[in-house]
């Protein structure tokens, strides 16, 4: 069903319409006013859906979005399918489902609307996936695996792919494109431009106070998606046969607890600091700023830990030669 909807979104032609979007002031802090969201038609006569998002730039710049890791839930069926994994790299699928939100965490990157456009899904998004995939497997995978409960470390390590090469690039790029496409589809139901994009005015209907349905879907899908990802990962690892922990991944309990505690502390610090650096314009934006701060703070600490872990491992290997 979602595939058909997304294809319809990309293929509508020779259509021009306008839809009134009511931006209500209320508990969620939306800006008061009434705007016109116009659908643009390119010179070839093909509708460009992403231009609807950029048409109401004042709202879009708020970047109030579902919590980025929750987007991985959309590609779990593909990751779980042996047939899909033959043509779509599962790691690239997961990263692709998240990369369109990178400008929220790294404001120096190209504009947010580009990452969420069809052009971005086919260009900059898969390129970012290739870069992040190399960083993840080269720097982060082993140190982060070592932080898992000791009973799960060996099982998670056994899922690591072999060395990537040029022959894997098509599957990586395809996975990145498909993952980013699911992100774009998900966002099309949970943003301020959603009612105009689909022509469904009921998406703007207030459901809790002044909170419109599309925003309620955003918050609900965030929680459900994150729970689905966590539950899927835990269930998958728990039902695997026990695997001995590789010697390189053995981490003493105090260090594991210390790193996890420091990551939690940095996440809270990031949540406190990020809205100060990038002041929100509404309560809806504040939620996004807090989520971005949590991600930035936690990831900064984990990257530092991973770098130290890799340096210590390299020194150990060098001394053992």
C-alpha atoms as a PDB file:
ATOM      1  CA  UNK A   1       0.000   0.000   0.000  1.00  0.00           C
ATOM      2  CA  UNK A   2       2.718   2.463   0.970  1.00  0.00           C
ATOM      3  CA  UNK A   3       4.674   1.620  -2.176  1.00  0.00           C
ATOM      4  CA  UNK A   4       1.650   2.468  -4.315  1.00  0.00           C
ATOM      5  CA  UNK A   5       1.110   5.726  -2.454  1.00  0.00           C
ATOM      6  CA  UNK A   6       4.746   6.722  -2.879  1.00  0.00           C
ATOM      7  CA  UNK A   7       4.731   5.900  -6.585  1.00  0.00           C
ATOM      8  CA  UNK A   8       1.581   7.971  -6.970  1.00  0.00           C
ATOM      9  CA  UNK A   9       3.283  10.817  -5.159  1.00  0.00           C
ATOM     10  CA  UNK A  10       6.150  10.794  -7.649  1.00  0.00           C
ATOM     11  CA  UNK A  11       4.155  10.267 -10.829  1.00  0.00           C
ATOM     12  CA  UNK A  12       1.231  12.707 -10.716  1.00  0.00           C
ATOM     13  CA  UNK A  13       1.344  14.945 -13.769  1.00  0.00           C
ATOM     14  CA  UNK A  14      -0.241  18.107 -15.146  1.00  0.00           C
ATOM     15  CA  UNK A  15      -1.830  18.944 -11.818  1.00  0.00           C
ATOM     16  CA  UNK A  16      -1.952  22.291 -10.123  1.00  0.00           C
ATOM     17  CA  UNK A  17      -3.782  22.693  -6.912  1.00  0.00           C
ATOM     18  CA  UNK A  18      -3.767  24.800  -3.794  1.00  0.00           C
ATOM     19  CA  UNK A  19      -4.804  23.836  -0.319  1.00  0.00           C
ATOM     20  CA  UNK A  20      -5.377  25.952   2.718  1.00  0.00           C
ATOM     21  CA  UNK A  21      -3.237  24.940   5.667  1.00  0.00           C
ATOM     22  CA  UNK A  22      -4.281  26.359   8.978  1.00  0.00           C
ATOM     23  CA  UNK A  23      -1.359  26.898  11.313  1.00  0.00           C
ATOM     24  CA  UNK A  24      -2.940  27.234  14.704  1.00  0.00           C
ATOM     25  CA  UNK A  25      -1.461  28.816  17.805  1.00  0.00           C
ATOM     26  CA  UNK A  26      -1.897  26.691  20.855  1.00  0.00           C
ATOM     27  CA  UNK A  27      -0.184  24.347  23.251  1.00  0.00           C
ATOM     28  CA  UNK A  28       2.118  23.033  20.545  1.00  0.00           C
ATOM     29  CA  UNK A  29       3.176  26.601  19.764  1.00  0.00           C
ATOM     30  CA  UNK A  30       2.383  26.673  16.045  1.00  0.00           C
ATOM     31  CA  UNK A  31       2.540  30.063  14.389  1.00  0.00           C
ATOM     32  CA  UNK A  32      -0.892  31.584  13.859  1.00  0.00           C
ATOM     33  CA  UNK A  33      -1.939  32.352  10.343  1.00  0.00           C
ATOM     34  CA  UNK A  34      -3.316  30.905   7.144  1.00  0.00           C
ATOM     35  CA  UNK A  35      -1.108  30.109   4.188  1.00  0.00           C
ATOM     36  CA  UNK A  36      -1.451  28.852   0.688  1.00  0.00           C
ATOM     37  CA  UNK A  37       0.551  25.788  -0.287  1.00  0.00           C
ATOM     38  CA  UNK A  38       0.935  25.665  -4.057  1.00  0.00           C
ATOM     39  CA  UNK A  39       1.981  22.713  -6.083  1.00  0.00           C
ATOM     40  CA  UNK A  40       4.548  23.571  -8.738  1.00  0.00           C
ATOM     41  CA  UNK A  41       4.778  22.128 -12.212  1.00  0.00           C
ATOM     42  CA  UNK A  42       8.108  21.729 -13.940  1.00  0.00           C
ATOM     43  CA  UNK A  43       8.772  22.592 -17.549  1.00  0.00           C
ATOM     44  CA  UNK A  44       8.182  18.978 -18.528  1.00  0.00           C
ATOM     45  CA  UNK A  45       4.756  19.062 -16.935  1.00  0.00           C
ATOM     46  CA  UNK A  46       5.676  16.640 -14.151  1.00  0.00           C
ATOM     47  CA  UNK A  47       4.584  17.633 -10.704  1.00  0.00           C
ATOM     48  CA  UNK A  48       7.427  18.198  -8.261  1.00  0.00           C
ATOM     49  CA  UNK A  49       6.094  17.129  -4.838  1.00  0.00           C
ATOM     50  CA  UNK A  50       9.135  18.322  -2.908  1.00  0.00           C
ATOM     51  CA  UNK A  51       8.381  21.896  -3.984  1.00  0.00           C
ATOM     52  CA  UNK A  52       5.255  21.738  -1.870  1.00  0.00           C
ATOM     53  CA  UNK A  53       7.458  21.290   1.159  1.00  0.00           C
ATOM     54  CA  UNK A  54       9.659  24.232   0.239  1.00  0.00           C
ATOM     55  CA  UNK A  55       6.659  26.413  -0.633  1.00  0.00           C
ATOM     56  CA  UNK A  56       5.849  26.948   3.009  1.00  0.00           C
ATOM     57  CA  UNK A  57       9.471  27.537   3.965  1.00  0.00           C
ATOM     58  CA  UNK A  58       8.643  29.300   7.192  1.00  0.00           C
ATOM     59  CA  UNK A  59       7.073  26.147   8.592  1.00  0.00           C
ATOM     60  CA  UNK A  60       9.589  23.732   7.080  1.00  0.00           C
ATOM     61  CA  UNK A  61      12.568  25.584   8.534  1.00  0.00           C
ATOM     62  CA  UNK A  62      11.222  24.541  11.927  1.00  0.00           C
ATOM     63  CA  UNK A  63      12.302  20.998  11.097  1.00  0.00           C
ATOM     64  CA  UNK A  64       9.905  19.416  13.569  1.00  0.00           C
ATOM     65  CA  UNK A  65      10.368  15.788  12.584  1.00  0.00           C
ATOM     66  CA  UNK A  66       9.971  12.255  13.921  1.00  0.00           C
ATOM     67  CA  UNK A  67      12.971  11.221  16.048  1.00  0.00           C
ATOM     68  CA  UNK A  68      15.517  10.177  13.436  1.00  0.00           C
ATOM     69  CA  UNK A  69      16.385   6.625  14.672  1.00  0.00           C
ATOM     70  CA  UNK A  70      12.674   5.772  14.600  1.00  0.00           C
ATOM     71  CA  UNK A  71      12.811   5.888  10.786  1.00  0.00           C
ATOM     72  CA  UNK A  72      14.761   2.616  10.785  1.00  0.00           C
ATOM     73  CA  UNK A  73      11.504   0.855  11.661  1.00  0.00           C
ATOM     74  CA  UNK A  74      10.307   1.428   8.091  1.00  0.00           C
ATOM     75  CA  UNK A  75      13.067  -0.735   6.610  1.00  0.00           C
ATOM     76  CA  UNK A  76      12.992  -3.567   9.152  1.00  0.00           C
ATOM     77  CA  UNK A  77      10.870  -5.798   6.887  1.00  0.00           C
ATOM     78  CA  UNK A  78      13.477  -5.410   4.120  1.00  0.00           C
ATOM     79  CA  UNK A  79      16.394  -5.996   6.493  1.00  0.00           C
ATOM     80  CA  UNK A  80      14.667  -9.153   7.739  1.00  0.00           C
ATOM     81  CA  UNK A  81      14.090 -10.476   4.222  1.00  0.00           C
ATOM     82  CA  UNK A  82      16.819 -12.721   2.838  1.00  0.00           C
ATOM     83  CA  UNK A  83      15.588 -12.005  -0.689  1.00  0.00           C
ATOM     84  CA  UNK A  84      15.778  -8.225  -0.198  1.00  0.00           C
ATOM     85  CA  UNK A  85      19.261  -8.462   1.315  1.00  0.00           C
ATOM     86  CA  UNK A  86      20.546  -9.941  -1.954  1.00  0.00           C
ATOM     87  CA  UNK A  87      20.096  -6.597  -3.698  1.00  0.00           C
ATOM     88  CA  UNK A  88      19.864  -4.107  -0.803  1.00  0.00           C
ATOM     89  CA  UNK A  89      22.628  -3.832   1.763  1.00  0.00           C
ATOM     90  CA  UNK A  90      20.907  -3.984   5.192  1.00  0.00           C
ATOM     91  CA  UNK A  91      23.346  -1.555   6.821  1.00  0.00           C
ATOM     92  CA  UNK A  92      22.780   0.914   3.987  1.00  0.00           C
ATOM     93  CA  UNK A  93      19.015   0.534   4.383  1.00  0.00           C
ATOM     94  CA  UNK A  94      19.221   1.521   8.040  1.00  0.00           C
ATOM     95  CA  UNK A  95      21.533   4.459   7.389  1.00  0.00           C
ATOM     96  CA  UNK A  96      19.513   5.571   4.369  1.00  0.00           C
ATOM     97  CA  UNK A  97      16.382   5.723   6.494  1.00  0.00           C
ATOM     98  CA  UNK A  98      18.108   8.305   8.717  1.00  0.00           C
ATOM     99  CA  UNK A  99      20.448  10.392   6.539  1.00  0.00           C
ATOM    100  CA  UNK A 100      17.853  12.910   5.249  1.00  0.00           C
ATOM    101  CA  UNK A 101      17.809  14.411   8.764  1.00  0.00           C
ATOM    102  CA  UNK A 102      21.581  14.999   8.904  1.00  0.00           C
ATOM    103  CA  UNK A 103      21.261  18.808   8.477  1.00  0.00           C
ATOM    104  CA  UNK A 104      19.352  18.924  11.764  1.00  0.00           C
ATOM    105  CA  UNK A 105      22.463  17.694  13.564  1.00  0.00           C
ATOM    106  CA  UNK A 106      25.048  19.301  11.260  1.00  0.00           C
ATOM    107  CA  UNK A 107      23.654  22.722  10.227  1.00  0.00           C
ATOM    108  CA  UNK A 108      26.674  23.397   7.988  1.00  0.00           C
ATOM    109  CA  UNK A 109      25.485  20.717   5.536  1.00  0.00           C
ATOM    110  CA  UNK A 110      23.418  21.536   2.415  1.00  0.00           C
ATOM    111  CA  UNK A 111      19.846  22.668   3.005  1.00  0.00           C
ATOM    112  CA  UNK A 112      17.371  20.336   4.687  1.00  0.00           C
ATOM    113  CA  UNK A 113      14.956  20.540   1.754  1.00  0.00           C
ATOM    114  CA  UNK A 114      17.569  19.120  -0.622  1.00  0.00           C
ATOM    115  CA  UNK A 115      18.091  16.029   1.529  1.00  0.00           C
ATOM    116  CA  UNK A 116      14.330  15.434   1.547  1.00  0.00           C
ATOM    117  CA  UNK A 117      13.792  16.070  -2.166  1.00  0.00           C
ATOM    118  CA  UNK A 118      13.617  13.437  -4.890  1.00  0.00           C
ATOM    119  CA  UNK A 119      16.923  14.765  -6.225  1.00  0.00           C
ATOM    120  CA  UNK A 120      18.464  14.369  -2.782  1.00  0.00           C
ATOM    121  CA  UNK A 121      17.132  10.827  -2.384  1.00  0.00           C
ATOM    122  CA  UNK A 122      18.900   9.894  -5.620  1.00  0.00           C
ATOM    123  CA  UNK A 123      22.156  11.823  -5.082  1.00  0.00           C
ATOM    124  CA  UNK A 124      23.331  13.305  -1.795  1.00  0.00           C
ATOM    125  CA  UNK A 125      21.514  10.793   0.429  1.00  0.00           C
ATOM    126  CA  UNK A 126      23.141   7.617  -0.995  1.00  0.00           C
ATOM    127  CA  UNK A 127      26.494   9.430  -1.145  1.00  0.00           C
ATOM    128  CA  UNK A 128      26.190  10.198   2.571  1.00  0.00           C
ATOM    129  CA  UNK A 129      25.262   6.563   3.206  1.00  0.00           C
ATOM    130  CA  UNK A 130      28.478   5.375   1.529  1.00  0.00           C
ATOM    131  CA  UNK A 131      30.546   7.759   3.678  1.00  0.00           C
ATOM    132  CA  UNK A 132      28.759   6.903   6.914  1.00  0.00           C
ATOM    133  CA  UNK A 133      28.937   3.183   6.194  1.00  0.00           C
ATOM    134  CA  UNK A 134      32.731   3.404   5.951  1.00  0.00           C
ATOM    135  CA  UNK A 135      32.893   5.408   9.192  1.00  0.00           C
ATOM    136  CA  UNK A 136      30.588   3.030  11.023  1.00  0.00           C
ATOM    137  CA  UNK A 137      32.350  -0.189  10.081  1.00  0.00           C
ATOM    138  CA  UNK A 138      35.835   1.281  10.219  1.00  0.00           C
ATOM    139  CA  UNK A 139      35.576   3.243  13.465  1.00  0.00           C
ATOM    140  CA  UNK A 140      32.387   2.622  15.409  1.00  0.00           C
ATOM    141  CA  UNK A 141      31.123  -0.940  14.965  1.00  0.00           C
ATOM    142  CA  UNK A 142      33.495  -2.854  17.232  1.00  0.00           C
ATOM    143  CA  UNK A 143      33.620  -0.270  20.074  1.00  0.00           C
ATOM    144  CA  UNK A 144      29.828   0.025  20.122  1.00  0.00           C
ATOM    145  CA  UNK A 145      29.371  -3.754  19.978  1.00  0.00           C
ATOM    146  CA  UNK A 146      31.610  -4.059  23.050  1.00  0.00           C
ATOM    147  CA  UNK A 147      29.133  -1.906  25.013  1.00  0.00           C
ATOM    148  CA  UNK A 148      26.320  -4.441  24.647  1.00  0.00           C
ATOM    149  CA  UNK A 149      25.490  -6.822  27.509  1.00  0.00           C
ATOM    150  CA  UNK A 150      28.220  -9.450  27.610  1.00  0.00           C
ATOM    151  CA  UNK A 151      25.818 -12.237  26.590  1.00  0.00           C
ATOM    152  CA  UNK A 152      24.998 -10.408  23.343  1.00  0.00           C
ATOM    153  CA  UNK A 153      28.430  -9.158  22.293  1.00  0.00           C
ATOM    154  CA  UNK A 154      29.487 -12.341  20.495  1.00  0.00           C
ATOM    155  CA  UNK A 155      26.146 -12.683  18.747  1.00  0.00           C
ATOM    156  CA  UNK A 156      26.222  -9.098  17.478  1.00  0.00           C
ATOM    157  CA  UNK A 157      29.832  -9.478  16.361  1.00  0.00           C
ATOM    158  CA  UNK A 158      28.914 -12.529  14.302  1.00  0.00           C
ATOM    159  CA  UNK A 159      26.549 -10.366  12.229  1.00  0.00           C
ATOM    160  CA  UNK A 160      29.338  -8.111  10.995  1.00  0.00           C
ATOM    161  CA  UNK A 161      29.651  -8.183   7.192  1.00  0.00           C
ATOM    162  CA  UNK A 162      32.856  -9.055   5.425  1.00  0.00           C
ATOM    163  CA  UNK A 163      35.108  -6.468   3.891  1.00  0.00           C
ATOM    164  CA  UNK A 164      33.297  -4.156   1.505  1.00  0.00           C
ATOM    165  CA  UNK A 165      34.569  -3.784  -2.040  1.00  0.00           C
ATOM    166  CA  UNK A 166      33.544  -2.246  -5.356  1.00  0.00           C
ATOM    167  CA  UNK A 167      31.206  -5.148  -6.086  1.00  0.00           C
ATOM    168  CA  UNK A 168      29.144  -4.203  -3.010  1.00  0.00           C
ATOM    169  CA  UNK A 169      28.636  -0.594  -4.124  1.00  0.00           C
ATOM    170  CA  UNK A 170      25.420  -1.181  -6.150  1.00  0.00           C
ATOM    171  CA  UNK A 171      23.720  -2.848  -3.174  1.00  0.00           C
ATOM    172  CA  UNK A 172      24.914  -0.078  -0.850  1.00  0.00           C
ATOM    173  CA  UNK A 173      23.678   2.701  -3.144  1.00  0.00           C
ATOM    174  CA  UNK A 174      20.375   0.906  -3.758  1.00  0.00           C
ATOM    175  CA  UNK A 175      19.915   0.393  -0.031  1.00  0.00           C
ATOM    176  CA  UNK A 176      20.613   4.054   0.609  1.00  0.00           C
ATOM    177  CA  UNK A 177      18.090   5.178  -2.012  1.00  0.00           C
ATOM    178  CA  UNK A 178      15.367   2.832  -0.747  1.00  0.00           C
ATOM    179  CA  UNK A 179      16.019   3.782   2.869  1.00  0.00           C
ATOM    180  CA  UNK A 180      15.882   7.513   2.104  1.00  0.00           C
ATOM    181  CA  UNK A 181      12.679   6.950   0.090  1.00  0.00           C
ATOM    182  CA  UNK A 182      10.969   5.413   3.121  1.00  0.00           C
ATOM    183  CA  UNK A 183      12.064   8.433   5.154  1.00  0.00           C
ATOM    184  CA  UNK A 184      10.532  10.796   2.615  1.00  0.00           C
ATOM    185  CA  UNK A 185       7.312   8.786   2.517  1.00  0.00           C
ATOM    186  CA  UNK A 186       7.044   8.702   6.323  1.00  0.00           C
ATOM    187  CA  UNK A 187       7.606  12.461   6.555  1.00  0.00           C
ATOM    188  CA  UNK A 188       4.918  13.105   3.945  1.00  0.00           C
ATOM    189  CA  UNK A 189       2.289  12.143   6.535  1.00  0.00           C
ATOM    190  CA  UNK A 190       3.804  13.880   9.579  1.00  0.00           C
ATOM    191  CA  UNK A 191       4.704  17.420   8.486  1.00  0.00           C
ATOM    192  CA  UNK A 192       2.868  20.712   8.229  1.00  0.00           C
ATOM    193  CA  UNK A 193       2.759  20.371   4.442  1.00  0.00           C
ATOM    194  CA  UNK A 194       1.199  16.888   4.553  1.00  0.00           C
ATOM    195  CA  UNK A 195      -2.463  17.976   4.138  1.00  0.00           C
ATOM    196  CA  UNK A 196      -1.598  20.000   1.030  1.00  0.00           C
ATOM    197  CA  UNK A 197       0.701  17.354  -0.373  1.00  0.00           C
ATOM    198  CA  UNK A 198      -1.919  14.604  -0.306  1.00  0.00           C
ATOM    199  CA  UNK A 199      -4.995  16.807  -0.525  1.00  0.00           C
ATOM    200  CA  UNK A 200      -6.225  15.392   2.773  1.00  0.00           C
ATOM    201  CA  UNK A 201      -7.380  18.328   4.852  1.00  0.00           C
ATOM    202  CA  UNK A 202      -8.335  16.007   7.682  1.00  0.00           C
ATOM    203  CA  UNK A 203      -4.625  15.626   8.469  1.00  0.00           C
ATOM    204  CA  UNK A 204      -4.778  19.187   9.824  1.00  0.00           C
ATOM    205  CA  UNK A 205      -7.744  18.425  12.086  1.00  0.00           C
ATOM    206  CA  UNK A 206      -6.971  19.219  15.760  1.00  0.00           C
ATOM    207  CA  UNK A 207      -7.086  16.045  17.829  1.00  0.00           C
ATOM    208  CA  UNK A 208      -5.724  17.138  21.226  1.00  0.00           C
ATOM    209  CA  UNK A 209      -6.347  20.790  21.967  1.00  0.00           C
ATOM    210  CA  UNK A 210      -4.777  22.642  19.041  1.00  0.00           C
ATOM    211  CA  UNK A 211      -2.474  19.732  18.143  1.00  0.00           C
ATOM    212  CA  UNK A 212      -3.225  18.749  14.519  1.00  0.00           C
ATOM    213  CA  UNK A 213      -3.430  15.140  13.437  1.00  0.00           C
ATOM    214  CA  UNK A 214      -0.228  15.230  11.359  1.00  0.00           C
ATOM    215  CA  UNK A 215       1.732  16.365  14.424  1.00  0.00           C
ATOM    216  CA  UNK A 216       0.076  13.734  16.613  1.00  0.00           C
ATOM    217  CA  UNK A 217       1.074  11.121  14.014  1.00  0.00           C
ATOM    218  CA  UNK A 218       4.602  12.474  14.163  1.00  0.00           C
ATOM    219  CA  UNK A 219       4.882  12.024  17.916  1.00  0.00           C
ATOM    220  CA  UNK A 220       3.085   8.667  17.941  1.00  0.00           C
ATOM    221  CA  UNK A 221       5.141   7.239  15.072  1.00  0.00           C
ATOM    222  CA  UNK A 222       8.318   8.360  16.827  1.00  0.00           C
ATOM    223  CA  UNK A 223       7.502   6.337  19.935  1.00  0.00           C
ATOM    224  CA  UNK A 224       6.171   3.309  18.052  1.00  0.00           C
ATOM    225  CA  UNK A 225       9.090   3.320  15.599  1.00  0.00           C
ATOM    226  CA  UNK A 226      11.741   3.570  18.285  1.00  0.00           C
ATOM    227  CA  UNK A 227      10.113   0.793  20.302  1.00  0.00           C
ATOM    228  CA  UNK A 228       9.893  -1.382  17.188  1.00  0.00           C
ATOM    229  CA  UNK A 229      13.591  -0.905  16.385  1.00  0.00           C
ATOM    230  CA  UNK A 230      14.701  -1.634  19.959  1.00  0.00           C
ATOM    231  CA  UNK A 231      12.394  -4.646  20.281  1.00  0.00           C
ATOM    232  CA  UNK A 232      13.422  -6.060  16.894  1.00  0.00           C
ATOM    233  CA  UNK A 233      17.134  -5.795  17.730  1.00  0.00           C
ATOM    234  CA  UNK A 234      16.772  -7.282  21.206  1.00  0.00           C
ATOM    235  CA  UNK A 235      14.548 -10.129  20.052  1.00  0.00           C
ATOM    236  CA  UNK A 236      16.786 -10.957  17.120  1.00  0.00           C
ATOM    237  CA  UNK A 237      19.944 -11.118  19.224  1.00  0.00           C
ATOM    238  CA  UNK A 238      18.286 -12.950  22.118  1.00  0.00           C
ATOM    239  CA  UNK A 239      17.031 -15.815  19.959  1.00  0.00           C
ATOM    240  CA  UNK A 240      20.438 -16.448  18.364  1.00  0.00           C
ATOM    241  CA  UNK A 241      22.598 -19.291  19.607  1.00  0.00           C
ATOM    242  CA  UNK A 242      25.261 -18.165  22.099  1.00  0.00           C
ATOM    243  CA  UNK A 243      28.533 -17.077  20.500  1.00  0.00           C
ATOM    244  CA  UNK A 244      31.813 -16.625  22.340  1.00  0.00           C
ATOM    245  CA  UNK A 245      32.918 -13.011  22.687  1.00  0.00           C
ATOM    246  CA  UNK A 246      35.970 -12.243  20.531  1.00  0.00           C
ATOM    247  CA  UNK A 247      38.975 -11.290  22.645  1.00  0.00           C
ATOM    248  CA  UNK A 248      39.185  -7.839  21.046  1.00  0.00           C
ATOM    249  CA  UNK A 249      35.653  -7.025  22.215  1.00  0.00           C
ATOM    250  CA  UNK A 250      36.045  -7.967  25.872  1.00  0.00           C
ATOM    251  CA  UNK A 251      35.286  -4.908  27.979  1.00  0.00           C
ATOM    252  CA  UNK A 252      35.254  -4.917  31.771  1.00  0.00           C
ATOM    253  CA  UNK A 253      31.932  -4.073  33.411  1.00  0.00           C
ATOM    254  CA  UNK A 254      33.093  -0.843  35.143  1.00  0.00           C
ATOM    255  CA  UNK A 255      34.318   0.614  31.838  1.00  0.00           C
ATOM    256  CA  UNK A 256      31.096  -0.389  30.089  1.00  0.00           C
ATOM    257  CA  UNK A 257      28.991   1.226  32.798  1.00  0.00           C
ATOM    258  CA  UNK A 258      31.197   4.299  32.810  1.00  0.00           C
ATOM    259  CA  UNK A 259      30.915   4.842  29.057  1.00  0.00           C
ATOM    260  CA  UNK A 260      27.148   4.293  29.046  1.00  0.00           C
ATOM    261  CA  UNK A 261      26.734   6.655  31.992  1.00  0.00           C
ATOM    262  CA  UNK A 262      28.911   9.306  30.337  1.00  0.00           C
ATOM    263  CA  UNK A 263      26.906   8.959  27.120  1.00  0.00           C
ATOM    264  CA  UNK A 264      23.677   9.493  29.063  1.00  0.00           C
ATOM    265  CA  UNK A 265      25.156  12.548  30.755  1.00  0.00           C
ATOM    266  CA  UNK A 266      26.316  14.017  27.455  1.00  0.00           C
ATOM    267  CA  UNK A 267      22.881  13.350  25.981  1.00  0.00           C
ATOM    268  CA  UNK A 268      21.267  15.380  28.765  1.00  0.00           C
ATOM    269  CA  UNK A 269      23.859  18.113  28.330  1.00  0.00           C
ATOM    270  CA  UNK A 270      23.196  18.197  24.603  1.00  0.00           C
ATOM    271  CA  UNK A 271      19.449  18.479  25.227  1.00  0.00           C
ATOM    272  CA  UNK A 272      20.113  21.482  27.475  1.00  0.00           C
ATOM    273  CA  UNK A 273      22.597  23.233  25.190  1.00  0.00           C
ATOM    274  CA  UNK A 274      21.229  22.622  21.674  1.00  0.00           C
ATOM    275  CA  UNK A 275      18.072  24.750  22.073  1.00  0.00           C
ATOM    276  CA  UNK A 276      20.285  27.574  23.358  1.00  0.00           C
ATOM    277  CA  UNK A 277      22.585  27.407  20.329  1.00  0.00           C
ATOM    278  CA  UNK A 278      19.642  27.046  17.929  1.00  0.00           C
ATOM    279  CA  UNK A 279      16.652  28.720  19.631  1.00  0.00           C
ATOM    280  CA  UNK A 280      13.319  27.133  18.685  1.00  0.00           C
ATOM    281  CA  UNK A 281      10.478  29.234  17.362  1.00  0.00           C
ATOM    282  CA  UNK A 282       7.718  27.080  18.814  1.00  0.00           C
ATOM    283  CA  UNK A 283       7.086  24.229  21.204  1.00  0.00           C
ATOM    284  CA  UNK A 284       7.025  21.815  18.305  1.00  0.00           C
ATOM    285  CA  UNK A 285      10.495  22.997  17.297  1.00  0.00           C
ATOM    286  CA  UNK A 286      11.636  22.736  20.915  1.00  0.00           C
ATOM    287  CA  UNK A 287      10.816  19.016  20.895  1.00  0.00           C
ATOM    288  CA  UNK A 288      12.976  18.595  17.796  1.00  0.00           C
ATOM    289  CA  UNK A 289      15.802  20.679  19.272  1.00  0.00           C
ATOM    290  CA  UNK A 290      15.778  18.553  22.427  1.00  0.00           C
ATOM    291  CA  UNK A 291      15.877  15.355  20.383  1.00  0.00           C
ATOM    292  CA  UNK A 292      18.712  16.699  18.237  1.00  0.00           C
ATOM    293  CA  UNK A 293      20.631  17.717  21.347  1.00  0.00           C
ATOM    294  CA  UNK A 294      20.249  14.229  22.807  1.00  0.00           C
ATOM    295  CA  UNK A 295      21.568  12.683  19.598  1.00  0.00           C
ATOM    296  CA  UNK A 296      24.480  15.123  19.222  1.00  0.00           C
ATOM    297  CA  UNK A 297      25.581  14.838  22.850  1.00  0.00           C
ATOM    298  CA  UNK A 298      25.346  11.046  22.954  1.00  0.00           C
ATOM    299  CA  UNK A 299      27.032  10.557  19.570  1.00  0.00           C
ATOM    300  CA  UNK A 300      29.858  12.973  20.415  1.00  0.00           C
ATOM    301  CA  UNK A 301      30.755  10.966  23.505  1.00  0.00           C
ATOM    302  CA  UNK A 302      30.470   7.626  21.718  1.00  0.00           C
ATOM    303  CA  UNK A 303      32.678   8.828  18.846  1.00  0.00           C
ATOM    304  CA  UNK A 304      35.302   9.979  21.347  1.00  0.00           C
ATOM    305  CA  UNK A 305      35.096   6.619  23.135  1.00  0.00           C
ATOM    306  CA  UNK A 306      35.391   4.759  19.806  1.00  0.00           C
ATOM    307  CA  UNK A 307      38.455   6.776  18.814  1.00  0.00           C
ATOM    308  CA  UNK A 308      40.162   6.025  22.141  1.00  0.00           C
ATOM    309  CA  UNK A 309      39.156   2.354  21.850  1.00  0.00           C
ATOM    310  CA  UNK A 310      40.664   2.079  18.359  1.00  0.00           C
ATOM    311  CA  UNK A 311      43.879   3.828  19.420  1.00  0.00           C
ATOM    312  CA  UNK A 312      44.313   1.523  22.420  1.00  0.00           C
ATOM    313  CA  UNK A 313      43.652  -1.508  20.249  1.00  0.00           C
ATOM    314  CA  UNK A 314      46.191  -0.344  17.665  1.00  0.00           C
ATOM    315  CA  UNK A 315      48.775   0.215  20.407  1.00  0.00           C
ATOM    316  CA  UNK A 316      48.091  -3.255  21.839  1.00  0.00           C
ATOM    317  CA  UNK A 317      48.539  -4.859  18.433  1.00  0.00           C
ATOM    318  CA  UNK A 318      51.727  -2.845  17.813  1.00  0.00           C
ATOM    319  CA  UNK A 319      53.193  -3.791  21.191  1.00  0.00           C
ATOM    320  CA  UNK A 320      52.353  -7.437  20.603  1.00  0.00           C
ATOM    321  CA  UNK A 321      54.276  -7.571  17.320  1.00  0.00           C
END
